[in-house]
Amino acid sequence: MKSTSSIGPPHANGGSVLQTTVERVTGHIAQPVEDSLAIEEPLEIQLTYGPVGARQTRSISVTMRTPGNDFDLAAGFLMTEGVIQDANDVEHIAYAGESSNEGAELPQAMDALKAGSKHNTVRVDLAAGVQVSVGSLQRNFYTTSSCGICGKASLLALRTVCPPRAVNNFKVDAQLLYRLPERLRESQGVFDRTGGLHGAGLFDSAGNLLALREDVGRHNAVDKLLGAEFLADRTPLRNRLLLLSGRASFELLQKALMGGVPMVAAVGAPSSLAVQVAQEFDIILVGFLREDHFNIYHGREHIAGTSPSRGGGR
């Protein structure tokens, strides 16, 4: 990759929170107080691809996200959707209007939504030799829970785009797992101010937090996290644990699979299709992770320090 940044717009650090005044009611008494809101704005991802002299630009996604780490988000989305496989596939990432690529017509699909910020459209220029399947760009989120695609079809589609899997050799101790949600929570700076963001963190097998991203959308938080690793040429992440502050859906397991992550742990519940993905692609999956208990949905043999109850009951 020749030119990019994973930092996002100049306002990335301060532009994720909005101060407002609310009426706080305690008992029968109401009083105005200052409150912090997590900012939610649309982000359009545009893709420029094709051979020199025949470049095309398409608008391929619109997502509601918390501003910041937008380039990571775009790269993570493209990687987890199977559009790109290597950091060198990306020639340049910039906000639309700042790109130096001339001659490609920019879509105007987001004009009505861009009034609030000039940083709500990211354009990713692929290297001229990268082959892009137009059909894959038109799949339009087959992974979402509301799309109506059955689990069997979703798994079949995932098999066609996922990278080759290596043997899962990841191991972790149960007592260490109990401590991870608090470590993630302590590092969520914007959540502390707003209470309104999902968090996604990467840990090693010793429990060290290596990277963290927050966003109003749990899938965006994961895309930002995996996108940063992808752009740094650290994928596949075969020795990392992905911790989710909420539930584990099919979409999030798909992203873990595309990033080469061997284990996913979630504070919330997994969906049935998420469990199917974990079983089929051998991803260790833990849900309902709390300070004193968790459920193992796949990969029991990878988690040390546990023993079955004598009664064999639940």
Protein backbone atom coordinates (compact mmCIF):
# COMPACT_ATOMS: atom_id res chain seq x y z
CA MET A 1 0.00 0.00 0.00
CA LYS A 2 1.52 3.29 -1.11
CA SER A 3 -0.39 6.04 0.68
CA THR A 4 -2.91 5.95 3.50
CA SER A 5 -3.53 6.73 7.14
CA SER A 6 -5.34 4.78 9.84
CA ILE A 7 -5.95 7.80 12.01
CA GLY A 8 -9.01 9.26 10.31
CA PRO A 9 -10.01 12.92 10.03
CA PRO A 10 -8.33 15.72 12.01
CA HIS A 11 -11.30 15.74 14.39
CA ALA A 12 -11.15 11.96 14.98
CA ASN A 13 -10.16 12.12 18.64
CA GLY A 14 -12.47 14.93 19.64
CA GLY A 15 -15.23 14.40 17.08
CA SER A 16 -16.69 11.21 18.48
CA VAL A 17 -18.55 12.92 21.36
CA LEU A 18 -21.17 15.68 21.39
CA GLN A 19 -21.98 17.68 24.52
CA THR A 20 -25.63 18.48 25.18
CA THR A 21 -27.96 19.54 27.99
CA VAL A 22 -30.59 17.11 29.26
CA GLU A 23 -33.18 17.12 32.03
CA ARG A 24 -32.19 14.61 34.69
CA VAL A 25 -35.05 13.47 36.91
CA THR A 26 -34.39 12.15 40.40
CA GLY A 27 -37.53 11.21 42.23
CA HIS A 28 -39.82 14.18 41.50
CA ILE A 29 -37.07 16.71 40.88
CA ALA A 30 -35.87 17.63 37.36
CA GLN A 31 -32.76 19.65 36.73
CA PRO A 32 -30.66 20.47 33.64
CA VAL A 33 -27.28 18.73 33.46
CA GLU A 34 -24.56 18.36 30.85
CA ASP A 35 -24.46 15.02 29.06
CA SER A 36 -22.22 13.42 26.45
CA LEU A 37 -23.59 11.70 23.35
CA ALA A 38 -21.74 9.35 21.03
CA ILE A 39 -21.82 10.94 17.59
CA GLU A 40 -23.46 8.93 14.84
CA GLU A 41 -22.95 9.99 11.23
CA PRO A 42 -23.15 8.22 7.86
CA LEU A 43 -20.04 7.00 6.10
CA GLU A 44 -20.08 6.17 2.42
CA ILE A 45 -17.34 3.84 1.16
CA GLN A 46 -16.40 4.29 -2.47
CA LEU A 47 -14.16 1.91 -4.38
CA THR A 48 -12.02 2.85 -7.39
CA TYR A 49 -10.64 -0.09 -9.37
CA GLY A 50 -9.74 -1.32 -12.83
CA PRO A 51 -6.78 -1.05 -15.21
CA VAL A 52 -5.05 2.22 -15.99
CA GLY A 53 -7.15 4.18 -18.47
CA ALA A 54 -10.35 2.34 -17.58
CA ARG A 55 -10.80 3.09 -13.87
CA GLN A 56 -14.26 2.87 -12.32
CA THR A 57 -15.57 4.30 -9.06
CA ARG A 58 -18.52 2.71 -7.29
CA SER A 59 -20.31 3.51 -4.07
CA ILE A 60 -20.42 0.12 -2.35
CA SER A 61 -21.56 0.76 1.21
CA VAL A 62 -23.22 3.26 3.52
CA THR A 63 -22.99 2.66 7.25
CA MET A 64 -23.85 4.70 10.32
CA ARG A 65 -20.72 5.03 12.40
CA THR A 66 -18.88 7.06 15.05
CA PRO A 67 -16.37 9.33 13.25
CA GLY A 68 -12.73 8.36 13.65
CA ASN A 69 -10.51 5.58 12.25
CA ASP A 70 -12.55 5.82 9.05
CA PHE A 71 -9.75 4.52 6.82
CA ASP A 72 -9.39 1.45 9.06
CA LEU A 73 -13.15 0.97 8.86
CA ALA A 74 -13.14 1.08 5.06
CA ALA A 75 -10.20 -1.30 4.76
CA GLY A 76 -11.65 -3.66 7.35
CA PHE A 77 -14.99 -3.73 5.58
CA LEU A 78 -13.37 -4.52 2.22
CA MET A 79 -11.19 -7.22 3.75
CA THR A 80 -13.95 -8.92 5.71
CA GLU A 81 -16.25 -8.81 2.66
CA GLY A 82 -13.59 -10.60 0.61
CA VAL A 83 -13.01 -7.72 -1.83
CA ILE A 84 -9.30 -7.39 -0.97
CA GLN A 85 -6.88 -9.96 0.42
CA ASP A 86 -3.59 -8.10 0.93
CA ALA A 87 -2.58 -4.65 2.12
CA ASN A 88 -0.77 -4.15 -1.19
CA ASP A 89 -4.15 -4.35 -2.96
CA VAL A 90 -4.78 -0.83 -1.64
CA GLU A 91 -3.09 1.97 -3.56
CA HIS A 92 -4.53 4.93 -1.66
CA ILE A 93 -7.22 5.84 0.86
CA ALA A 94 -8.55 9.37 1.24
CA TYR A 95 -11.70 11.33 1.90
CA ALA A 96 -13.61 11.99 -1.31
CA GLY A 97 -12.48 15.31 -2.76
CA GLU A 98 -8.99 14.80 -1.35
CA SER A 99 -8.09 11.91 -3.65
CA SER A 100 -5.51 12.63 -6.32
CA ASN A 101 -6.98 10.13 -8.78
CA GLU A 102 -8.35 12.09 -11.73
CA GLY A 103 -10.68 10.98 -14.46
CA ALA A 104 -13.02 8.81 -12.37
CA GLU A 105 -16.51 10.11 -11.86
CA LEU A 106 -17.49 10.32 -8.18
CA PRO A 107 -20.92 8.96 -7.21
CA GLN A 108 -23.17 11.51 -5.53
CA ALA A 109 -25.37 9.07 -3.59
CA MET A 110 -24.57 10.70 -0.26
CA ASP A 111 -25.09 14.37 -1.13
CA ALA A 112 -28.14 14.65 1.11
CA LEU A 113 -26.24 13.20 4.05
CA LYS A 114 -22.88 14.96 3.72
CA ALA A 115 -24.00 18.37 4.90
CA GLY A 116 -22.72 17.90 8.43
CA SER A 117 -19.17 16.85 7.59
CA LYS A 118 -16.75 16.80 4.71
CA HIS A 119 -15.34 13.57 6.13
CA ASN A 120 -18.35 11.34 5.54
CA THR A 121 -17.15 9.72 2.32
CA VAL A 122 -14.03 7.57 2.10
CA ARG A 123 -12.60 6.55 -1.24
CA VAL A 124 -10.38 3.48 -1.55
CA ASP A 125 -8.24 3.27 -4.69
CA LEU A 126 -7.12 -0.26 -5.50
CA ALA A 127 -3.95 -1.11 -7.36
CA ALA A 128 -4.47 -1.43 -11.11
CA GLY A 129 -3.78 -5.17 -11.13
CA VAL A 130 -6.34 -6.09 -8.45
CA GLN A 131 -9.24 -8.10 -9.84
CA VAL A 132 -12.63 -7.08 -8.47
CA SER A 133 -15.80 -9.12 -8.88
CA VAL A 134 -18.66 -6.77 -9.66
CA GLY A 135 -21.03 -9.48 -8.47
CA SER A 136 -19.39 -9.49 -5.04
CA LEU A 137 -19.90 -5.73 -4.84
CA GLN A 138 -23.61 -6.20 -5.53
CA ARG A 139 -24.18 -8.84 -2.84
CA ASN A 140 -25.46 -6.03 -0.62
CA PHE A 141 -24.80 -7.45 2.83
CA TYR A 142 -25.97 -11.05 2.58
CA THR A 143 -24.56 -11.38 6.10
CA THR A 144 -27.05 -9.11 7.87
CA SER A 145 -29.65 -10.64 10.16
CA SER A 146 -32.50 -8.87 8.36
CA CYS A 147 -31.60 -9.90 4.81
CA GLY A 148 -33.81 -12.99 4.79
CA ILE A 149 -31.07 -15.28 3.50
CA CYS A 150 -31.17 -18.68 5.18
CA GLY A 151 -28.28 -19.95 7.26
CA LYS A 152 -27.35 -22.62 4.74
CA ALA A 153 -27.02 -20.08 1.93
CA SER A 154 -25.05 -17.70 4.15
CA LEU A 155 -22.57 -20.41 5.10
CA LEU A 156 -22.21 -21.45 1.47
CA ALA A 157 -21.49 -17.87 0.45
CA LEU A 158 -18.93 -17.56 3.25
CA ARG A 159 -17.10 -20.68 2.09
CA THR A 160 -16.55 -19.12 -1.32
CA VAL A 161 -14.81 -15.98 -0.01
CA CYS A 162 -13.01 -17.01 3.18
CA PRO A 163 -9.22 -17.42 3.11
CA PRO A 164 -7.62 -20.85 3.66
CA ARG A 165 -7.80 -21.90 7.30
CA ALA A 166 -4.78 -23.03 9.29
CA VAL A 167 -4.95 -25.51 12.15
CA ASN A 168 -6.28 -23.75 15.24
CA ASN A 169 -3.54 -24.00 17.88
CA PHE A 170 -4.74 -21.13 20.07
CA LYS A 171 -4.86 -21.89 23.81
CA VAL A 172 -6.09 -19.77 26.70
CA ASP A 173 -6.68 -20.24 30.42
CA ALA A 174 -10.20 -19.94 31.82
CA GLN A 175 -9.09 -17.80 34.76
CA LEU A 176 -7.53 -15.33 32.35
CA LEU A 177 -10.76 -15.07 30.34
CA TYR A 178 -12.66 -13.84 33.39
CA ARG A 179 -10.46 -10.74 33.56
CA LEU A 180 -10.73 -9.67 29.92
CA PRO A 181 -14.12 -7.86 29.91
CA GLU A 182 -12.98 -5.52 32.67
CA ARG A 183 -9.72 -4.82 30.84
CA LEU A 184 -11.67 -3.95 27.72
CA ARG A 185 -14.13 -1.82 29.65
CA GLU A 186 -11.37 0.11 31.43
CA SER A 187 -9.86 1.06 28.07
CA GLN A 188 -13.09 2.28 26.46
CA GLY A 189 -12.56 6.01 26.86
CA VAL A 190 -15.52 7.17 24.77
CA PHE A 191 -17.84 4.66 26.43
CA ASP A 192 -16.88 6.14 29.80
CA ARG A 193 -18.11 9.52 28.60
CA THR A 194 -21.23 8.42 26.72
CA GLY A 195 -22.24 4.89 27.73
CA GLY A 196 -23.27 4.44 24.12
CA LEU A 197 -20.53 2.63 22.21
CA HIS A 198 -19.66 -0.96 21.44
CA GLY A 199 -16.09 -2.07 21.96
CA ALA A 200 -13.94 -4.66 20.19
CA GLY A 201 -10.51 -5.62 21.46
CA LEU A 202 -7.65 -7.85 20.39
CA PHE A 203 -5.86 -9.81 23.11
CA ASP A 204 -2.99 -12.27 23.08
CA SER A 205 -3.08 -15.57 24.96
CA ALA A 206 -1.46 -13.90 27.99
CA GLY A 207 -4.37 -11.47 28.31
CA ASN A 208 -2.57 -8.39 27.02
CA LEU A 209 -4.85 -5.89 25.26
CA LEU A 210 -3.12 -5.13 21.96
CA ALA A 211 -5.69 -2.95 20.19
CA LEU A 212 -9.14 -1.50 20.80
CA ARG A 213 -11.77 0.25 18.71
CA GLU A 214 -15.18 1.71 19.64
CA ASP A 215 -18.20 2.56 17.52
CA VAL A 216 -21.98 2.92 17.72
CA GLY A 217 -22.11 -0.14 15.45
CA ARG A 218 -20.58 -3.36 16.75
CA HIS A 219 -19.69 -4.42 13.19
CA ASN A 220 -17.99 -1.07 12.59
CA ALA A 221 -15.90 -1.48 15.75
CA VAL A 222 -14.68 -4.84 14.48
CA ASP A 223 -14.02 -3.50 10.98
CA LYS A 224 -11.97 -0.63 12.44
CA LEU A 225 -10.00 -3.06 14.59
CA LEU A 226 -9.32 -5.63 11.86
CA GLY A 227 -8.78 -2.92 9.25
CA ALA A 228 -5.96 -1.39 11.27
CA GLU A 229 -4.29 -4.81 11.55
CA PHE A 230 -4.82 -5.44 7.84
CA LEU A 231 -3.27 -2.13 6.78
CA ALA A 232 -0.32 -2.85 9.09
CA ASP A 233 0.09 -6.21 7.30
CA ARG A 234 -0.51 -8.21 10.47
CA THR A 235 -3.32 -10.42 9.17
CA PRO A 236 -4.14 -13.27 9.43
CA LEU A 237 -4.38 -12.89 13.21
CA ARG A 238 -3.82 -16.53 14.12
CA ASN A 239 -2.59 -15.86 17.67
CA ARG A 240 -5.20 -13.36 18.77
CA LEU A 241 -8.49 -13.39 20.67
CA LEU A 242 -11.27 -11.05 19.57
CA LEU A 243 -13.39 -9.78 22.48
CA LEU A 244 -16.80 -8.22 21.80
CA SER A 245 -18.56 -5.99 24.30
CA GLY A 246 -21.98 -7.19 23.11
CA ARG A 247 -23.40 -10.22 21.37
CA ALA A 248 -21.78 -12.41 18.71
CA SER A 249 -23.69 -12.48 15.43
CA PHE A 250 -23.05 -14.32 12.18
CA GLU A 251 -21.66 -11.10 10.71
CA LEU A 252 -19.08 -10.72 13.47
CA LEU A 253 -17.99 -14.36 13.22
CA GLN A 254 -17.63 -13.84 9.47
CA LYS A 255 -15.33 -10.89 10.09
CA ALA A 256 -13.26 -12.91 12.57
CA LEU A 257 -12.98 -15.71 10.01
CA MET A 258 -11.85 -13.33 7.25
CA GLY A 259 -9.24 -11.85 9.61
CA GLY A 260 -7.88 -15.27 10.55
CA VAL A 261 -8.90 -14.88 14.21
CA PRO A 262 -8.91 -18.26 16.03
CA MET A 263 -11.10 -17.28 19.01
CA VAL A 264 -14.04 -14.98 19.64
CA ALA A 265 -15.33 -14.17 23.14
CA ALA A 266 -18.46 -12.11 23.69
CA VAL A 267 -19.96 -10.52 26.77
CA GLY A 268 -23.39 -11.21 25.26
CA ALA A 269 -25.06 -14.14 23.57
CA PRO A 270 -24.12 -15.72 20.24
CA SER A 271 -26.73 -16.35 17.57
CA SER A 272 -27.42 -19.84 16.26
CA LEU A 273 -25.73 -19.06 12.94
CA ALA A 274 -22.69 -17.63 14.71
CA VAL A 275 -22.31 -20.99 16.48
CA GLN A 276 -22.60 -22.78 13.14
CA VAL A 277 -19.80 -20.64 11.70
CA ALA A 278 -17.62 -21.38 14.75
CA GLN A 279 -18.21 -25.10 14.41
CA GLU A 280 -17.70 -25.28 10.66
CA PHE A 281 -14.58 -23.12 10.53
CA ASP A 282 -13.12 -24.19 13.90
CA ILE A 283 -13.27 -20.84 15.68
CA ILE A 284 -13.27 -21.09 19.47
CA LEU A 285 -16.44 -19.35 20.63
CA VAL A 286 -17.29 -18.18 24.15
CA GLY A 287 -20.41 -16.24 25.11
CA PHE A 288 -21.93 -14.64 28.21
CA LEU A 289 -18.40 -13.92 29.45
CA ARG A 290 -18.60 -12.47 32.96
CA GLU A 291 -16.23 -12.22 35.92
CA ASP A 292 -17.21 -15.66 37.21
CA HIS A 293 -18.80 -17.65 34.37
CA PHE A 294 -19.01 -18.15 30.60
CA ASN A 295 -20.43 -20.58 28.05
CA ILE A 296 -18.30 -22.50 25.55
CA TYR A 297 -20.06 -23.04 22.23
CA HIS A 298 -17.09 -24.51 20.39
CA GLY A 299 -13.47 -25.34 21.19
CA ARG A 300 -13.66 -26.69 24.74
CA GLU A 301 -10.26 -28.40 24.32
CA HIS A 302 -8.56 -25.02 23.73
CA ILE A 303 -9.53 -23.60 27.14
CA ALA A 304 -7.41 -24.78 30.06
CA GLY A 305 -8.16 -24.72 33.75
CA THR A 306 -11.68 -26.15 33.76
CA SER A 307 -13.04 -29.50 34.93
CA PRO A 308 -16.46 -31.13 34.54
CA SER A 309 -18.84 -31.11 37.51
CA ARG A 310 -19.01 -34.40 39.37
CA GLY A 311 -22.73 -34.65 38.89
CA GLY A 312 -22.46 -33.97 35.18
CA GLY A 313 -25.39 -31.57 35.44
CA ARG A 314 -25.81 -28.11 34.05
